[in-house]
């Protein structure tokens, strides 16, 4: 029995080994190639995805750098526009001040001219009034002086003495 068990064990071992080898052969021919191909395809897909992710990361870095550059240029342009606006504001204020000073000086000059003209007119009017008063007073004095014949003759003689012929 022992021999039978031994023979059976060896036979079983033989058939198990044969079946195992056949199974390996079948698995290699029909299962492992497709499995290995699927694994290789999966590995290539993962590599492609990693490469695409790396490319996307690089592109994002480039875009980020471009965005930073654009932002920097925008800030520079904004600062330039603000500076230009400030200069324009200061220029407008300066021009307005100068124009206001010129207008004020013009008004002052016109006022001085007007005052001078009125002053001259007042002086002329005053001279005319003084002349009229002087003539009126002179008339009254001459009337009183010339009322007497002797005084008239004496006055004419004094005037003739003062007049010299040239």
C-alpha atoms as a PDB file:
ATOM      1  CA  UNK A   1       0.000   0.000   0.000  1.00  0.00           C
ATOM      2  CA  UNK A   2       2.745   2.174   0.666  1.00  0.00           C
ATOM      3  CA  UNK A   3       4.004   1.521  -2.758  1.00  0.00           C
ATOM      4  CA  UNK A   4       0.667   2.291  -4.202  1.00  0.00           C
ATOM      5  CA  UNK A   5       0.475   5.487  -2.270  1.00  0.00           C
ATOM      6  CA  UNK A   6       3.981   6.287  -3.380  1.00  0.00           C
ATOM      7  CA  UNK A   7       3.174   5.472  -6.994  1.00  0.00           C
ATOM      8  CA  UNK A   8      -0.017   7.410  -6.682  1.00  0.00           C
ATOM      9  CA  UNK A   9       1.868  10.348  -5.187  1.00  0.00           C
ATOM     10  CA  UNK A  10       4.417  10.245  -7.970  1.00  0.00           C
ATOM     11  CA  UNK A  11       1.687   9.933 -10.565  1.00  0.00           C
ATOM     12  CA  UNK A  12      -0.253  12.726  -8.942  1.00  0.00           C
ATOM     13  CA  UNK A  13       2.895  14.790  -8.767  1.00  0.00           C
ATOM     14  CA  UNK A  14       3.581  14.064 -12.436  1.00  0.00           C
ATOM     15  CA  UNK A  15       0.082  15.023 -13.518  1.00  0.00           C
ATOM     16  CA  UNK A  16       0.049  18.080 -11.322  1.00  0.00           C
ATOM     17  CA  UNK A  17       3.401  19.145 -12.769  1.00  0.00           C
ATOM     18  CA  UNK A  18       2.174  18.448 -16.288  1.00  0.00           C
ATOM     19  CA  UNK A  19      -1.044  20.365 -15.654  1.00  0.00           C
ATOM     20  CA  UNK A  20       0.911  23.194 -14.032  1.00  0.00           C
ATOM     21  CA  UNK A  21       3.233  23.420 -17.068  1.00  0.00           C
ATOM     22  CA  UNK A  22       0.233  23.271 -19.437  1.00  0.00           C
ATOM     23  CA  UNK A  23      -1.484  25.935 -17.381  1.00  0.00           C
ATOM     24  CA  UNK A  24       1.653  28.074 -17.501  1.00  0.00           C
ATOM     25  CA  UNK A  25       1.853  27.560 -21.247  1.00  0.00           C
ATOM     26  CA  UNK A  26      -1.810  28.450 -21.722  1.00  0.00           C
ATOM     27  CA  UNK A  27      -1.557  31.438 -19.376  1.00  0.00           C
ATOM     28  CA  UNK A  28       1.585  32.622 -21.143  1.00  0.00           C
ATOM     29  CA  UNK A  29       0.020  32.288 -24.589  1.00  0.00           C
ATOM     30  CA  UNK A  30      -3.468  33.624 -23.846  1.00  0.00           C
ATOM     31  CA  UNK A  31      -3.373  35.592 -20.584  1.00  0.00           C
ATOM     32  CA  UNK A  32       0.094  36.947 -19.852  1.00  0.00           C
ATOM     33  CA  UNK A  33       0.642  38.588 -23.221  1.00  0.00           C
ATOM     34  CA  UNK A  34      -2.643  40.517 -23.031  1.00  0.00           C
ATOM     35  CA  UNK A  35      -2.028  41.274 -19.334  1.00  0.00           C
ATOM     36  CA  UNK A  36       1.544  42.407 -20.057  1.00  0.00           C
ATOM     37  CA  UNK A  37       0.342  44.401 -23.056  1.00  0.00           C
ATOM     38  CA  UNK A  38      -2.361  46.028 -20.930  1.00  0.00           C
ATOM     39  CA  UNK A  39       0.205  46.775 -18.212  1.00  0.00           C
ATOM     40  CA  UNK A  40       2.604  48.231 -20.802  1.00  0.00           C
ATOM     41  CA  UNK A  41      -0.184  50.306 -22.340  1.00  0.00           C
ATOM     42  CA  UNK A  42      -1.187  51.471 -18.882  1.00  0.00           C
ATOM     43  CA  UNK A  43       2.436  52.331 -18.105  1.00  0.00           C
ATOM     44  CA  UNK A  44       2.751  54.280 -21.374  1.00  0.00           C
ATOM     45  CA  UNK A  45      -0.543  56.058 -20.636  1.00  0.00           C
ATOM     46  CA  UNK A  46       0.739  57.012 -17.182  1.00  0.00           C
ATOM     47  CA  UNK A  47       4.038  58.246 -18.701  1.00  0.00           C
ATOM     48  CA  UNK A  48       2.111  60.313 -21.254  1.00  0.00           C
ATOM     49  CA  UNK A  49      -0.130  61.713 -18.518  1.00  0.00           C
ATOM     50  CA  UNK A  50       2.938  62.591 -16.432  1.00  0.00           C
ATOM     51  CA  UNK A  51       4.594  64.230 -19.456  1.00  0.00           C
ATOM     52  CA  UNK A  52       1.412  66.176 -20.188  1.00  0.00           C
ATOM     53  CA  UNK A  53       1.179  67.197 -16.539  1.00  0.00           C
ATOM     54  CA  UNK A  54       4.811  68.367 -16.640  1.00  0.00           C
ATOM     55  CA  UNK A  55       4.119  70.285 -19.851  1.00  0.00           C
ATOM     56  CA  UNK A  56       1.012  71.808 -18.276  1.00  0.00           C
ATOM     57  CA  UNK A  57       3.044  72.758 -15.198  1.00  0.00           C
ATOM     58  CA  UNK A  58       5.687  74.407 -17.396  1.00  0.00           C
ATOM     59  CA  UNK A  59       2.983  76.176 -19.376  1.00  0.00           C
ATOM     60  CA  UNK A  60       1.396  77.370 -16.120  1.00  0.00           C
ATOM     61  CA  UNK A  61       4.803  78.686 -15.019  1.00  0.00           C
ATOM     62  CA  UNK A  62       5.151  80.487 -18.344  1.00  0.00           C
ATOM     63  CA  UNK A  63       1.623  81.876 -18.018  1.00  0.00           C
ATOM     64  CA  UNK A  64       2.340  82.933 -14.449  1.00  0.00           C
ATOM     65  CA  UNK A  65       5.546  84.647 -15.594  1.00  0.00           C
ATOM     66  CA  UNK A  66       3.629  86.307 -18.444  1.00  0.00           C
ATOM     67  CA  UNK A  67       0.911  87.403 -16.020  1.00  0.00           C
ATOM     68  CA  UNK A  68       3.530  88.852 -13.675  1.00  0.00           C
ATOM     69  CA  UNK A  69       5.176  90.654 -16.587  1.00  0.00           C
ATOM     70  CA  UNK A  70       1.824  91.985 -17.798  1.00  0.00           C
ATOM     71  CA  UNK A  71       0.922  93.094 -14.266  1.00  0.00           C
ATOM     72  CA  UNK A  72       4.305  94.791 -13.909  1.00  0.00           C
ATOM     73  CA  UNK A  73       3.841  96.571 -17.244  1.00  0.00           C
ATOM     74  CA  UNK A  74       0.303  97.570 -16.230  1.00  0.00           C
ATOM     75  CA  UNK A  75       1.603  98.961 -12.931  1.00  0.00           C
ATOM     76  CA  UNK A  76       4.321 100.904 -14.768  1.00  0.00           C
ATOM     77  CA  UNK A  77       1.763 102.244 -17.228  1.00  0.00           C
ATOM     78  CA  UNK A  78      -0.615 103.136 -14.379  1.00  0.00           C
ATOM     79  CA  UNK A  79       2.180 104.953 -12.543  1.00  0.00           C
ATOM     80  CA  UNK A  80       3.100 106.765 -15.747  1.00  0.00           C
ATOM     81  CA  UNK A  81      -0.517 107.809 -16.324  1.00  0.00           C
ATOM     82  CA  UNK A  82      -0.852 108.971 -12.720  1.00  0.00           C
ATOM     83  CA  UNK A  83       2.366 110.974 -12.997  1.00  0.00           C
ATOM     84  CA  UNK A  84       1.196 112.498 -16.263  1.00  0.00           C
ATOM     85  CA  UNK A  85      -2.181 113.338 -14.701  1.00  0.00           C
ATOM     86  CA  UNK A  86      -0.462 114.968 -11.708  1.00  0.00           C
ATOM     87  CA  UNK A  87       1.780 116.995 -14.000  1.00  0.00           C
ATOM     88  CA  UNK A  88      -1.215 118.011 -16.103  1.00  0.00           C
ATOM     89  CA  UNK A  89      -3.123 119.015 -12.957  1.00  0.00           C
ATOM     90  CA  UNK A  90      -0.184 121.065 -11.695  1.00  0.00           C
ATOM     91  CA  UNK A  91       0.228 122.657 -15.121  1.00  0.00           C
ATOM     92  CA  UNK A  92      -3.471 123.541 -15.265  1.00  0.00           C
ATOM     93  CA  UNK A  93      -3.344 124.996 -11.752  1.00  0.00           C
ATOM     94  CA  UNK A  94      -0.219 126.992 -12.622  1.00  0.00           C
ATOM     95  CA  UNK A  95      -1.790 128.258 -15.849  1.00  0.00           C
ATOM     96  CA  UNK A  96      -4.985 129.180 -13.986  1.00  0.00           C
ATOM     97  CA  UNK A  97      -2.971 131.051 -11.351  1.00  0.00           C
ATOM     98  CA  UNK A  98      -0.974 132.900 -14.011  1.00  0.00           C
ATOM     99  CA  UNK A  99      -4.129 133.776 -15.923  1.00  0.00           C
ATOM    100  CA  UNK A 100      -5.821 134.935 -12.710  1.00  0.00           C
ATOM    101  CA  UNK A 101      -2.784 137.078 -11.855  1.00  0.00           C
ATOM    102  CA  UNK A 102      -2.789 138.556 -15.351  1.00  0.00           C
ATOM    103  CA  UNK A 103      -6.512 139.274 -15.134  1.00  0.00           C
ATOM    104  CA  UNK A 104      -6.069 140.800 -11.681  1.00  0.00           C
ATOM    105  CA  UNK A 105      -3.173 142.934 -12.938  1.00  0.00           C
ATOM    106  CA  UNK A 106      -5.293 143.997 -15.927  1.00  0.00           C
ATOM    107  CA  UNK A 107      -8.166 144.964 -13.598  1.00  0.00           C
ATOM    108  CA  UNK A 108      -5.722 146.860 -11.339  1.00  0.00           C
ATOM    109  CA  UNK A 109      -4.206 148.663 -14.335  1.00  0.00           C
ATOM    110  CA  UNK A 110      -7.670 149.548 -15.636  1.00  0.00           C
ATOM    111  CA  UNK A 111      -8.666 150.764 -12.180  1.00  0.00           C
ATOM    112  CA  UNK A 112      -5.491 152.897 -11.963  1.00  0.00           C
ATOM    113  CA  UNK A 113      -6.163 154.320 -15.425  1.00  0.00           C
ATOM    114  CA  UNK A 114      -9.759 155.012 -14.502  1.00  0.00           C
ATOM    115  CA  UNK A 115      -8.716 156.638 -11.223  1.00  0.00           C
ATOM    116  CA  UNK A 116      -6.075 158.728 -13.021  1.00  0.00           C
ATOM    117  CA  UNK A 117      -8.626 159.808 -15.655  1.00  0.00           C
ATOM    118  CA  UNK A 118     -11.159 160.713 -12.978  1.00  0.00           C
ATOM    119  CA  UNK A 119      -8.439 162.523 -11.041  1.00  0.00           C
ATOM    120  CA  UNK A 120      -7.475 164.543 -14.136  1.00  0.00           C
ATOM    121  CA  UNK A 121     -11.141 165.273 -14.823  1.00  0.00           C
ATOM    122  CA  UNK A 122     -11.603 166.368 -11.208  1.00  0.00           C
ATOM    123  CA  UNK A 123      -8.499 168.589 -11.440  1.00  0.00           C
ATOM    124  CA  UNK A 124      -9.768 170.151 -14.688  1.00  0.00           C
ATOM    125  CA  UNK A 125     -13.199 170.650 -13.128  1.00  0.00           C
ATOM    126  CA  UNK A 126     -11.601 172.117 -10.015  1.00  0.00           C
ATOM    127  CA  UNK A 127      -9.443 174.458 -12.140  1.00  0.00           C
ATOM    128  CA  UNK A 128     -12.527 175.542 -14.066  1.00  0.00           C
ATOM    129  CA  UNK A 129     -14.406 176.222 -10.836  1.00  0.00           C
ATOM    130  CA  UNK A 130     -11.404 178.096  -9.393  1.00  0.00           C
ATOM    131  CA  UNK A 131     -11.127 180.077 -12.628  1.00  0.00           C
ATOM    132  CA  UNK A 132     -14.834 180.917 -12.553  1.00  0.00           C
ATOM    133  CA  UNK A 133     -14.581 181.920  -8.899  1.00  0.00           C
ATOM    134  CA  UNK A 134     -11.448 183.930  -9.597  1.00  0.00           C
ATOM    135  CA  UNK A 135     -13.122 185.705 -12.502  1.00  0.00           C
ATOM    136  CA  UNK A 136     -16.177 186.378 -10.372  1.00  0.00           C
ATOM    137  CA  UNK A 137     -14.026 187.744  -7.560  1.00  0.00           C
ATOM    138  CA  UNK A 138     -11.930 189.716 -10.027  1.00  0.00           C
ATOM    139  CA  UNK A 139     -15.089 191.152 -11.563  1.00  0.00           C
ATOM    140  CA  UNK A 140     -16.349 192.266  -8.197  1.00  0.00           C
ATOM    141  CA  UNK A 141     -12.951 193.696  -7.267  1.00  0.00           C
ATOM    142  CA  UNK A 142     -12.580 195.460 -10.602  1.00  0.00           C
ATOM    143  CA  UNK A 143     -16.123 196.816 -10.358  1.00  0.00           C
ATOM    144  CA  UNK A 144     -15.425 198.202  -6.954  1.00  0.00           C
ATOM    145  CA  UNK A 145     -12.032 199.521  -8.046  1.00  0.00           C
ATOM    146  CA  UNK A 146     -13.312 201.034 -11.249  1.00  0.00           C
ATOM    147  CA  UNK A 147     -16.313 202.650  -9.696  1.00  0.00           C
ATOM    148  CA  UNK A 148     -14.161 205.637  -8.932  1.00  0.00           C
ATOM    149  CA  UNK A 149     -12.625 207.553 -11.951  1.00  0.00           C
ATOM    150  CA  UNK A 150      -9.392 208.287 -10.157  1.00  0.00           C
ATOM    151  CA  UNK A 151      -8.871 204.695  -9.260  1.00  0.00           C
ATOM    152  CA  UNK A 152      -9.474 203.710 -12.895  1.00  0.00           C
ATOM    153  CA  UNK A 153      -6.826 206.109 -14.193  1.00  0.00           C
ATOM    154  CA  UNK A 154      -4.369 205.016 -11.528  1.00  0.00           C
ATOM    155  CA  UNK A 155      -4.939 201.317 -12.358  1.00  0.00           C
ATOM    156  CA  UNK A 156      -4.427 201.910 -16.119  1.00  0.00           C
ATOM    157  CA  UNK A 157      -1.211 203.794 -15.432  1.00  0.00           C
ATOM    158  CA  UNK A 158       0.132 200.974 -13.217  1.00  0.00           C
ATOM    159  CA  UNK A 159      -0.688 198.413 -15.857  1.00  0.00           C
ATOM    160  CA  UNK A 160       1.018 200.441 -18.523  1.00  0.00           C
ATOM    161  CA  UNK A 161       4.132 200.654 -16.382  1.00  0.00           C
ATOM    162  CA  UNK A 162       4.181 196.855 -15.999  1.00  0.00           C
ATOM    163  CA  UNK A 163       3.859 196.260 -19.733  1.00  0.00           C
ATOM    164  CA  UNK A 164       7.091 196.515 -21.612  1.00  0.00           C
ATOM    165  CA  UNK A 165       7.392 196.520 -25.354  1.00  0.00           C
ATOM    166  CA  UNK A 166       9.823 194.121 -26.796  1.00  0.00           C
END
